[in-house]
C-alpha atoms as a PDB file:
ATOM      1  CA  MET A   1     -43.964 -14.301  52.127  1.00  0.00           C
ATOM      2  CA  SER A   2     -43.682 -10.520  51.865  1.00  0.00           C
ATOM      3  CA  ILE A   3     -40.480  -8.123  52.574  1.00  0.00           C
ATOM      4  CA  PHE A   4     -40.848  -4.946  55.205  1.00  0.00           C
ATOM      5  CA  ILE A   5     -38.471  -2.636  54.871  1.00  0.00           C
ATOM      6  CA  HIS A   6     -37.651  -0.563  57.591  1.00  0.00           C
ATOM      7  CA  HIS A   7     -37.648   3.062  56.779  1.00  0.00           C
ATOM      8  CA  ASP A   8     -36.466   5.423  60.106  1.00  0.00           C
ATOM      9  CA  PRO A   9     -35.881   8.472  58.133  1.00  0.00           C
ATOM     10  CA  GLU A  10     -34.408   9.925  61.910  1.00  0.00           C
ATOM     11  CA  ARG A  11     -31.568   7.146  61.291  1.00  0.00           C
ATOM     12  CA  GLU A  12     -31.139   8.984  57.278  1.00  0.00           C
ATOM     13  CA  PHE A  13     -30.980  12.202  59.190  1.00  0.00           C
ATOM     14  CA  ALA A  14     -28.410  11.814  61.548  1.00  0.00           C
ATOM     15  CA  GLU A  15     -26.312   9.795  58.709  1.00  0.00           C
ATOM     16  CA  ASP A  16     -26.706  13.061  56.254  1.00  0.00           C
ATOM     17  CA  ARG A  17     -26.115  15.588  59.821  1.00  0.00           C
ATOM     18  CA  LYS A  18     -22.920  13.207  59.728  1.00  0.00           C
ATOM     19  CA  ARG A  19     -22.037  13.338  56.309  1.00  0.00           C
ATOM     20  CA  ASN A  20     -21.934  16.506  56.004  1.00  0.00           C
ATOM     21  CA  ALA A  21     -20.249  17.364  59.246  1.00  0.00           C
ATOM     22  CA  GLU A  22     -16.915  15.574  58.450  1.00  0.00           C
ATOM     23  CA  GLN A  23     -17.163  16.440  54.907  1.00  0.00           C
ATOM     24  CA  ASP A  24     -17.222  20.645  56.689  1.00  0.00           C
ATOM     25  CA  ALA A  25     -14.023  19.181  58.382  1.00  0.00           C
ATOM     26  CA  LEU A  26     -12.509  18.045  55.786  1.00  0.00           C
ATOM     27  CA  LEU A  27     -13.039  21.520  53.313  1.00  0.00           C
ATOM     28  CA  GLU A  28     -12.094  24.275  56.572  1.00  0.00           C
ATOM     29  CA  GLU A  29      -8.857  21.495  57.066  1.00  0.00           C
ATOM     30  CA  LEU A  30      -8.249  22.033  53.477  1.00  0.00           C
ATOM     31  CA  PHE A  31      -8.992  25.335  52.332  1.00  0.00           C
ATOM     32  CA  GLY A  32      -8.671  26.767  56.311  1.00  0.00           C
ATOM     33  CA  MET A  33     -12.803  27.267  56.056  1.00  0.00           C
ATOM     34  CA  PRO A  34     -15.639  25.774  56.512  1.00  0.00           C
ATOM     35  CA  GLY A  35     -17.609  24.910  53.758  1.00  0.00           C
ATOM     36  CA  ALA A  36     -20.970  26.893  53.325  1.00  0.00           C
ATOM     37  CA  GLU A  37     -17.624  30.294  53.738  1.00  0.00           C
ATOM     38  CA  LEU A  38     -16.349  28.440  50.990  1.00  0.00           C
ATOM     39  CA  GLY A  39     -19.263  27.405  48.667  1.00  0.00           C
ATOM     40  CA  GLY A  40     -19.926  31.416  49.504  1.00  0.00           C
ATOM     41  CA  LYS A  41     -16.393  32.917  47.828  1.00  0.00           C
ATOM     42  CA  VAL A  42     -16.701  30.175  45.119  1.00  0.00           C
ATOM     43  CA  GLY A  43     -20.767  31.570  44.524  1.00  0.00           C
ATOM     44  CA  LYS A  44     -18.756  35.268  44.254  1.00  0.00           C
ATOM     45  CA  ALA A  45     -16.144  35.178  42.174  1.00  0.00           C
ATOM     46  CA  MET A  46     -17.760  32.857  39.606  1.00  0.00           C
ATOM     47  CA  GLU A  47     -19.943  35.429  39.320  1.00  0.00           C
ATOM     48  CA  ARG A  48     -17.477  37.985  39.727  1.00  0.00           C
ATOM     49  CA  LYS A  49     -15.799  36.051  35.840  1.00  0.00           C
ATOM     50  CA  ILE A  50     -19.246  35.424  34.660  1.00  0.00           C
ATOM     51  CA  ARG A  51     -19.829  39.280  34.898  1.00  0.00           C
ATOM     52  CA  VAL A  52     -16.430  40.403  33.368  1.00  0.00           C
ATOM     53  CA  GLU A  53     -16.716  38.231  30.563  1.00  0.00           C
ATOM     54  CA  MET A  54     -19.936  39.655  29.978  1.00  0.00           C
ATOM     55  CA  MET A  55     -18.427  43.066  29.741  1.00  0.00           C
ATOM     56  CA  THR A  56     -15.712  42.266  27.698  1.00  0.00           C
ATOM     57  CA  ARG A  57     -18.165  40.109  25.210  1.00  0.00           C
ATOM     58  CA  ASP A  58     -20.282  43.900  25.425  1.00  0.00           C
ATOM     59  CA  ALA A  59     -17.025  45.446  24.286  1.00  0.00           C
ATOM     60  CA  MET A  60     -16.730  43.791  21.526  1.00  0.00           C
ATOM     61  CA  LEU A  61     -19.918  43.484  20.454  1.00  0.00           C
ATOM     62  CA  ARG A  62     -19.636  48.021  21.186  1.00  0.00           C
ATOM     63  CA  GLU A  63     -16.766  48.060  19.279  1.00  0.00           C
ATOM     64  CA  LEU A  64     -17.071  45.563  16.175  1.00  0.00           C
ATOM     65  CA  LYS A  65     -20.581  47.385  15.937  1.00  0.00           C
ATOM     66  CA  ARG A  66     -18.741  50.945  15.893  1.00  0.00           C
ATOM     67  CA  LYS A  67     -16.082  48.930  12.727  1.00  0.00           C
ATOM     68  CA  VAL A  68     -19.243  47.676  11.171  1.00  0.00           C
ATOM     69  CA  ASP A  69     -21.042  50.931  11.400  1.00  0.00           C
ATOM     70  CA  ALA A  70     -17.931  52.792   9.843  1.00  0.00           C
ATOM     71  CA  LEU A  71     -17.722  50.551   7.309  1.00  0.00           C
ATOM     72  CA  GLN A  72     -21.665  50.554   6.278  1.00  0.00           C
ATOM     73  CA  GLU A  73     -20.194  54.946   5.657  1.00  0.00           C
ATOM     74  CA  MET A  74     -17.465  54.341   3.184  1.00  0.00           C
ATOM     75  CA  CYS A  75     -19.518  51.510   1.391  1.00  0.00           C
ATOM     76  CA  ASP A  76     -22.507  54.765   1.107  1.00  0.00           C
ATOM     77  CA  ARG A  77     -20.113  57.670   0.695  1.00  0.00           C
ATOM     78  CA  MET A  78     -18.436  55.285  -2.139  1.00  0.00           C
ATOM     79  CA  TRP A  79     -21.707  54.554  -3.768  1.00  0.00           C
ATOM     80  CA  ILE A  80     -23.025  57.973  -4.138  1.00  0.00           C
ATOM     81  CA  ALA A  81     -19.319  59.031  -5.325  1.00  0.00           C
ATOM     82  CA  LEU A  82     -20.392  55.920  -8.238  1.00  0.00           C
ATOM     83  CA  ALA A  83     -23.719  56.740  -8.977  1.00  0.00           C
ATOM     84  CA  LYS A  84     -21.822  60.533  -9.505  1.00  0.00           C
ATOM     85  CA  GLN A  85     -19.391  59.287 -11.582  1.00  0.00           C
ATOM     86  CA  CYS A  86     -21.435  57.888 -13.530  1.00  0.00           C
ATOM     87  CA  ASP A  87     -23.873  60.178 -13.920  1.00  0.00           C
ATOM     88  CA  ASP A  88     -21.362  62.812 -14.957  1.00  0.00           C
ATOM     89  CA  CYS A  89     -20.726  60.260 -17.936  1.00  0.00           C
ATOM     90  CA  ASP A  90     -24.466  60.154 -18.736  1.00  0.00           C
ATOM     91  CA  ASN A  91     -23.597  63.512 -19.490  1.00  0.00           C
ATOM     92  CA  GLU A  92     -20.613  63.711 -21.586  1.00  0.00           C
ATOM     93  CA  ARG A  93     -22.458  60.959 -24.073  1.00  0.00           C
ATOM     94  CA  ALA A  94     -25.466  63.297 -24.043  1.00  0.00           C
ATOM     95  CA  GLU A  95     -23.115  66.538 -24.813  1.00  0.00           C
ATOM     96  CA  GLY A  96     -21.601  64.435 -27.324  1.00  0.00           C
ATOM     97  CA  THR A  97     -18.007  65.358 -25.399  1.00  0.00           C
ATOM     98  CA  GLY A  98     -17.788  61.639 -24.539  1.00  0.00           C
ATOM     99  CA  CYS A  99     -17.539  59.764 -21.266  1.00  0.00           C
ATOM    100  CA  ALA A 100     -13.569  59.871 -19.722  1.00  0.00           C
ATOM    101  CA  ASP A 101     -14.175  55.886 -19.575  1.00  0.00           C
ATOM    102  CA  ASP A 102     -15.172  55.579 -22.734  1.00  0.00           C
ATOM    103  CA  ARG A 103     -11.353  56.790 -24.210  1.00  0.00           C
END
C-alpha cells in the first residue's frame, strides 16, 4: 500500500501570499505604514543605535587609553626619581657623608 501526497506549489504560494497580505494589513493598521516600510524604518533605527553605541564605546576606549598613558608617564617619572634618589644615596655613601635615608 502506498500513500501519495500531492504537493501543490501554486496553492502553497497562494497561501503564503495571503498570509503575508494579512500580516501587512495588520501592521499597516497598527503602525500606519506597510510592513516593508516599517521594516526599513526599524532596520535604520537599529543601525543608528548600533552606530551610536560603537561611537560611544570608541570614545570611552580613547579616554581609557589616554588615562592609561598618563598613568604610565607618571610611573615612568616616579621610577626615574627613585633611581636618581638611589644614585644620590650611593654617591653620598661612597663619599662617606652618609645617605639621608641612613640617618
